[in-house]
Amino acid sequence: MTTRLVLATRNAHKVGELRAILGAAGLDVELVGADAYPEIPDVKETGVTFAENALLKARALADATGLPAVADDSGLCVDVLGGAPGIFSARWAGKHGDDLANLDLLLAQLGDIDHPHRGAHFACAAALALPGGATRVTEGRLTGTLRHTPAGTGGFGYDPILEPDEGPDAFRGRTCAELTPEEKNSISHRGKAFRALTPHITELLA
């Protein structure tokens, strides 16, 4: 019997991304998003680290559904801003999830910073929680340099301004929003975190 696994997001893009990662790892699970349980309210992200927030969401969803749950928390960490926006990435401009406003504000704040000093990385923590209380957390990051202007229409969030330092030569000079979904998944912070989590999913669901 296939195990149902719930991902703590209502973002269809994230569900599809994780479904592809788990499928590539050969895991026989049925992955659904939190929108399959509309009666369950979203969890407030009160943690002060990506790992704490990911665990909060995974534990809450596992307790509410009685099913194994996974969650992630991720964001952009800018070197010259001391790691900000970090856990506040999704609400940097004040309203949660306003990607364009967040992007515009960050670019304005970095307007006078020259290219050699625009280093940054995407960070992600992925968490697995079982109804019985067992948990696992893994992390991943993608380093790069921030563009002065956005480029690309793929991805979401800050993808249009981060040019990865990683990956094959074909990725050079392109932002995360200019990569195909497959290219992005191969190097992304979320891809790394969830690929690291898959052995734990196999172990705990065995």
Protein backbone atom coordinates (compact mmCIF):
# COMPACT_ATOMS: atom_id res chain seq x y z
CA MET A 1 0.00 0.00 0.00
CA THR A 2 1.36 3.40 -0.98
CA THR A 3 1.99 5.75 1.93
CA ARG A 4 0.44 9.21 1.75
CA LEU A 5 2.87 11.99 2.57
CA VAL A 6 1.64 15.54 3.16
CA LEU A 7 3.74 18.57 2.23
CA ALA A 8 3.07 21.66 4.33
CA THR A 9 2.44 24.06 1.48
CA ARG A 10 -0.42 25.18 -0.73
CA ASN A 11 2.09 26.07 -3.44
CA ALA A 12 1.55 23.67 -6.36
CA HIS A 13 5.05 24.44 -7.68
CA LYS A 14 6.65 23.16 -4.48
CA VAL A 15 4.49 20.03 -4.49
CA GLY A 16 5.51 19.26 -8.07
CA GLU A 17 9.16 19.92 -7.29
CA LEU A 18 9.21 17.53 -4.32
CA ARG A 19 7.17 14.92 -6.21
CA ALA A 20 9.86 14.90 -8.91
CA ILE A 21 12.65 14.60 -6.34
CA LEU A 22 10.97 11.70 -4.50
CA GLY A 23 10.15 9.97 -7.78
CA ALA A 24 13.76 10.21 -8.92
CA ALA A 25 14.80 8.67 -5.59
CA GLY A 26 12.48 5.72 -6.22
CA LEU A 27 10.20 6.38 -3.24
CA ASP A 28 6.74 4.85 -3.51
CA VAL A 29 4.71 7.57 -1.78
CA GLU A 30 1.62 9.58 -2.65
CA LEU A 31 2.54 13.22 -2.12
CA VAL A 32 -0.21 15.79 -1.59
CA GLY A 33 -0.12 19.42 -0.55
CA ALA A 34 -1.82 21.00 2.44
CA ASP A 35 -4.63 22.14 0.13
CA ALA A 36 -5.90 18.55 0.33
CA TYR A 37 -6.85 19.45 3.93
CA PRO A 38 -8.41 22.94 3.64
CA GLU A 39 -9.86 22.71 7.14
CA ILE A 40 -6.37 22.79 8.66
CA PRO A 41 -5.13 26.37 9.23
CA ASP A 42 -1.68 27.50 8.19
CA VAL A 43 0.97 27.35 10.90
CA LYS A 44 2.53 30.57 12.16
CA GLU A 45 6.26 30.57 11.51
CA THR A 46 7.43 31.71 14.94
CA GLY A 47 10.87 30.07 14.82
CA VAL A 48 14.08 32.07 14.54
CA THR A 49 15.80 29.65 12.14
CA PHE A 50 14.78 27.90 8.93
CA ALA A 51 15.03 24.54 10.74
CA GLU A 52 12.73 25.63 13.58
CA ASN A 53 10.08 26.88 11.17
CA ALA A 54 10.24 23.75 9.02
CA LEU A 55 9.80 21.54 12.10
CA LEU A 56 6.90 23.65 13.39
CA LYS A 57 5.01 23.18 10.13
CA ALA A 58 5.80 19.48 9.72
CA ARG A 59 4.86 18.60 13.31
CA ALA A 60 1.61 20.58 13.18
CA LEU A 61 0.53 18.94 9.92
CA ALA A 62 1.44 15.44 11.12
CA ASP A 63 -0.54 15.96 14.33
CA ALA A 64 -3.54 17.38 12.46
CA THR A 65 -3.73 14.74 9.73
CA GLY A 66 -2.33 11.66 11.45
CA LEU A 67 -0.05 11.22 8.43
CA PRO A 68 3.69 11.61 7.86
CA ALA A 69 4.34 15.24 6.94
CA VAL A 70 7.19 17.15 5.38
CA ALA A 71 7.80 20.88 5.34
CA ASP A 72 10.47 23.31 4.36
CA ASP A 73 11.45 26.84 5.18
CA SER A 74 13.76 28.74 2.93
CA GLY A 75 14.97 32.19 2.08
CA LEU A 76 17.67 34.41 0.67
CA CYS A 77 20.66 35.36 2.82
CA VAL A 78 22.65 38.37 1.59
CA ASP A 79 26.25 38.70 2.75
CA VAL A 80 26.36 42.51 3.09
CA LEU A 81 23.06 42.46 4.99
CA GLY A 82 24.42 40.06 7.59
CA GLY A 83 22.29 37.19 6.31
CA ALA A 84 19.05 39.14 5.87
CA PRO A 85 16.34 38.89 4.72
CA GLY A 86 16.79 35.26 5.87
CA ILE A 87 13.68 33.90 7.60
CA PHE A 88 11.87 37.14 6.71
CA SER A 89 12.43 36.67 2.96
CA ALA A 90 8.77 36.06 2.12
CA ARG A 91 7.63 39.19 3.97
CA TRP A 92 10.64 41.49 3.54
CA ALA A 93 8.47 44.31 2.17
CA GLY A 94 5.82 43.81 4.85
CA LYS A 95 3.16 41.67 3.18
CA HIS A 96 3.72 37.91 3.13
CA GLY A 97 4.22 36.46 -0.33
CA ASP A 98 4.44 39.71 -2.32
CA ASP A 99 7.36 38.60 -4.48
CA LEU A 100 7.56 41.74 -6.58
CA ALA A 101 7.54 44.11 -3.60
CA ASN A 102 10.16 42.01 -1.80
CA LEU A 103 12.37 42.00 -4.87
CA ASP A 104 12.03 45.73 -5.49
CA LEU A 105 12.84 46.58 -1.87
CA LEU A 106 15.92 44.37 -1.76
CA LEU A 107 17.27 45.75 -5.04
CA ALA A 108 16.77 49.29 -3.74
CA GLN A 109 18.63 48.46 -0.53
CA LEU A 110 21.54 47.05 -2.55
CA GLY A 111 21.51 49.76 -5.20
CA ASP A 112 24.94 51.16 -4.31
CA ILE A 113 26.64 47.79 -3.77
CA ASP A 114 29.06 46.82 -6.54
CA HIS A 115 29.01 43.38 -8.18
CA PRO A 116 32.01 41.91 -6.27
CA HIS A 117 30.18 42.48 -2.97
CA ARG A 118 26.77 41.14 -3.96
CA GLY A 119 27.33 37.57 -2.72
CA ALA A 120 24.32 35.71 -1.36
CA HIS A 121 22.89 32.25 -0.95
CA PHE A 122 19.52 30.57 -0.85
CA ALA A 123 19.12 28.41 2.27
CA CYS A 124 16.55 25.69 2.92
CA ALA A 125 15.72 23.42 5.83
CA ALA A 126 13.51 20.40 5.11
CA ALA A 127 11.77 18.54 7.93
CA LEU A 128 9.97 15.22 8.24
CA ALA A 129 7.60 14.54 11.14
CA LEU A 130 5.66 11.38 11.96
CA PRO A 131 2.43 11.36 14.02
CA GLY A 132 4.28 9.40 16.69
CA GLY A 133 6.77 12.19 17.24
CA ALA A 134 9.87 11.12 15.26
CA THR A 135 11.46 13.95 13.28
CA ARG A 136 14.38 14.55 10.95
CA VAL A 137 15.77 17.81 9.53
CA THR A 138 18.20 18.35 6.66
CA GLU A 139 19.55 21.51 5.06
CA GLY A 140 20.79 22.71 1.69
CA ARG A 141 22.09 25.92 0.16
CA LEU A 142 22.79 27.45 -3.23
CA THR A 143 25.44 30.16 -3.44
CA GLY A 144 25.50 32.90 -6.03
CA THR A 145 25.72 36.59 -6.85
CA LEU A 146 22.84 39.05 -6.99
CA ARG A 147 22.08 40.84 -10.24
CA HIS A 148 21.27 44.55 -10.30
CA THR A 149 18.16 43.87 -12.38
CA PRO A 150 15.86 40.81 -12.58
CA ALA A 151 16.12 38.36 -15.49
CA GLY A 152 14.01 35.35 -16.39
CA THR A 153 10.39 34.35 -15.95
CA GLY A 154 10.76 30.94 -14.29
CA GLY A 155 10.81 30.11 -10.61
CA PHE A 156 9.50 32.48 -7.97
CA GLY A 157 10.62 34.72 -5.12
CA TYR A 158 14.15 36.00 -5.56
CA ASP A 159 15.02 33.60 -8.39
CA PRO A 160 15.21 36.40 -11.02
CA ILE A 161 18.16 38.10 -9.29
CA LEU A 162 20.37 35.24 -8.06
CA GLU A 163 22.98 34.05 -10.54
CA PRO A 164 24.26 30.67 -9.24
CA ASP A 165 27.95 30.04 -8.70
CA GLU A 166 27.27 26.31 -8.97
CA GLY A 167 26.42 23.89 -11.75
CA PRO A 168 27.85 23.20 -15.20
CA ASP A 169 29.24 25.89 -17.48
CA ALA A 170 25.90 26.06 -19.28
CA PHE A 171 24.40 27.64 -16.14
CA ARG A 172 26.89 30.52 -16.06
CA GLY A 173 25.49 33.98 -16.64
CA ARG A 174 21.91 32.85 -16.02
CA THR A 175 19.70 33.55 -13.02
CA CYS A 176 17.72 30.84 -11.28
CA ALA A 177 14.65 32.18 -13.10
CA GLU A 178 16.38 31.56 -16.45
CA LEU A 179 17.07 27.88 -15.70
CA THR A 180 14.64 25.12 -16.63
CA PRO A 181 12.87 23.44 -13.69
CA GLU A 182 15.12 20.39 -14.14
CA GLU A 183 18.27 22.52 -14.19
CA LYS A 184 17.20 24.44 -11.13
CA ASN A 185 16.24 21.30 -9.18
CA SER A 186 19.69 19.83 -9.83
CA ILE A 187 21.45 22.60 -7.88
CA SER A 188 18.76 24.29 -5.80
CA HIS A 189 18.84 24.65 -2.04
CA ARG A 190 15.42 23.00 -1.82
CA GLY A 191 16.48 20.15 -4.07
CA LYS A 192 19.58 19.52 -1.95
CA ALA A 193 17.65 19.64 1.31
CA PHE A 194 14.91 17.27 0.15
CA ARG A 195 17.34 14.87 -1.52
CA ALA A 196 19.18 14.69 1.80
CA LEU A 197 15.86 14.02 3.51
CA THR A 198 14.80 11.14 1.25
CA PRO A 199 16.92 8.48 3.02
CA HIS A 200 15.27 9.48 6.29
CA ILE A 201 11.82 9.22 4.67
CA THR A 202 12.74 5.72 3.49
CA GLU A 203 14.04 4.80 6.96
CA LEU A 204 11.10 6.11 8.98
CA LEU A 205 8.36 4.93 6.62
CA ALA A 206 9.79 1.43 6.18
